[in-house]
Amino acid sequence: MTAYCEQRIEYLEAEADRDLGEDELADEGEKLVEVEESDGGTRVMKKVPCGKDNCSTCPHGPCLYLVRREGDSLIWDYQGAVET
């Protein structure tokens, strides 16, 4: 049982250290502006669509998020709009 626990810890630590790829950070219609790795997660600045039909100013933003991995999921913490 100890060996399993040690292997599981190694796996989880490796997953936490894995860099996030662009395909994980931007959905369809979104545009990455800046990605910066930091100790507390990954800082992601991106422009996002509003979802309204015929919006001539989409995508909107940029908006800043702090992203961290928990298992197979990404936790997105919205930090606010960024002045341009």
Protein backbone atom coordinates (compact mmCIF):
# COMPACT_ATOMS: atom_id res chain seq x y z
CA MET A 1 0.00 0.00 0.00
CA THR A 2 2.86 2.40 0.74
CA ALA A 3 4.31 1.91 -2.74
CA TYR A 4 0.94 2.75 -4.31
CA CYS A 5 0.63 5.91 -2.24
CA GLU A 6 4.13 7.04 -3.16
CA GLN A 7 3.45 6.43 -6.87
CA ARG A 8 0.16 8.31 -6.63
CA ILE A 9 1.86 11.29 -4.99
CA GLU A 10 4.52 11.35 -7.72
CA TYR A 11 1.83 11.22 -10.40
CA LEU A 12 -0.19 14.06 -8.86
CA GLU A 13 2.88 16.23 -8.40
CA ALA A 14 3.87 15.67 -12.04
CA GLU A 15 0.35 16.61 -13.17
CA ALA A 16 0.45 19.79 -11.08
CA ASP A 17 3.79 20.76 -12.63
CA ARG A 18 2.67 20.08 -16.20
CA ASP A 19 2.46 23.26 -18.27
CA LEU A 20 -0.94 24.11 -19.66
CA GLY A 21 -1.23 24.02 -23.44
CA GLU A 22 -3.02 26.54 -25.62
CA ASP A 23 -5.67 23.96 -26.45
CA GLU A 24 -6.59 23.81 -22.75
CA LEU A 25 -6.61 27.58 -22.28
CA ALA A 26 -8.72 28.88 -25.16
CA ASP A 27 -12.07 27.57 -26.35
CA GLU A 28 -13.51 28.19 -29.80
CA GLY A 29 -13.91 31.89 -30.45
CA GLU A 30 -11.47 32.89 -27.69
CA LYS A 31 -8.11 34.51 -28.38
CA LEU A 32 -5.10 34.14 -26.06
CA VAL A 33 -3.33 37.43 -25.45
CA GLU A 34 -0.71 36.35 -22.89
CA VAL A 35 0.15 33.25 -20.85
CA GLU A 36 2.58 33.39 -17.93
CA GLU A 37 3.50 30.52 -15.61
CA SER A 38 3.71 31.46 -11.93
CA ASP A 39 3.98 29.70 -8.57
CA GLY A 40 0.27 30.07 -7.81
CA GLY A 41 -0.89 28.79 -11.20
CA THR A 42 -0.91 30.12 -14.73
CA ARG A 43 -1.89 33.72 -15.50
CA VAL A 44 -3.99 33.75 -18.64
CA MET A 45 -5.08 36.89 -20.43
CA LYS A 46 -7.59 36.26 -23.21
CA LYS A 47 -10.39 37.79 -25.22
CA VAL A 48 -13.73 35.99 -25.02
CA PRO A 49 -16.93 36.11 -27.08
CA CYS A 50 -20.10 37.40 -25.42
CA GLY A 51 -22.39 34.86 -27.05
CA LYS A 52 -24.70 37.41 -28.67
CA ASP A 53 -25.60 36.85 -32.31
CA ASN A 54 -24.23 39.46 -34.69
CA CYS A 55 -21.97 41.15 -32.12
CA SER A 56 -19.55 43.24 -34.16
CA THR A 57 -17.03 43.75 -31.35
CA CYS A 58 -16.43 40.10 -30.33
CA PRO A 59 -14.27 38.83 -28.83
CA HIS A 60 -14.32 41.17 -25.83
CA GLY A 61 -11.59 41.81 -23.30
CA PRO A 62 -8.93 41.08 -22.54
CA CYS A 63 -9.78 39.46 -19.22
CA LEU A 64 -7.30 38.05 -16.74
CA TYR A 65 -7.65 34.61 -15.12
CA LEU A 66 -5.52 32.62 -12.69
CA VAL A 67 -5.72 28.95 -13.72
CA ARG A 68 -4.63 25.96 -11.69
CA ARG A 69 -4.97 22.24 -12.18
CA GLU A 70 -6.83 19.97 -9.76
CA GLY A 71 -6.60 16.40 -11.01
CA ASP A 72 -7.94 16.36 -14.56
CA SER A 73 -9.83 19.65 -14.15
CA LEU A 74 -8.77 23.27 -14.56
CA ILE A 75 -9.93 25.77 -11.96
CA TRP A 76 -10.43 29.25 -13.47
CA ASP A 77 -10.30 32.22 -11.09
CA TYR A 78 -11.49 35.39 -12.85
CA GLN A 79 -9.27 38.34 -11.91
CA GLY A 80 -11.07 41.04 -13.90
CA ALA A 81 -10.91 43.03 -17.08
CA VAL A 82 -7.54 44.36 -18.19
CA GLU A 83 -7.17 47.98 -19.24
CA THR A 84 -5.70 48.32 -22.72
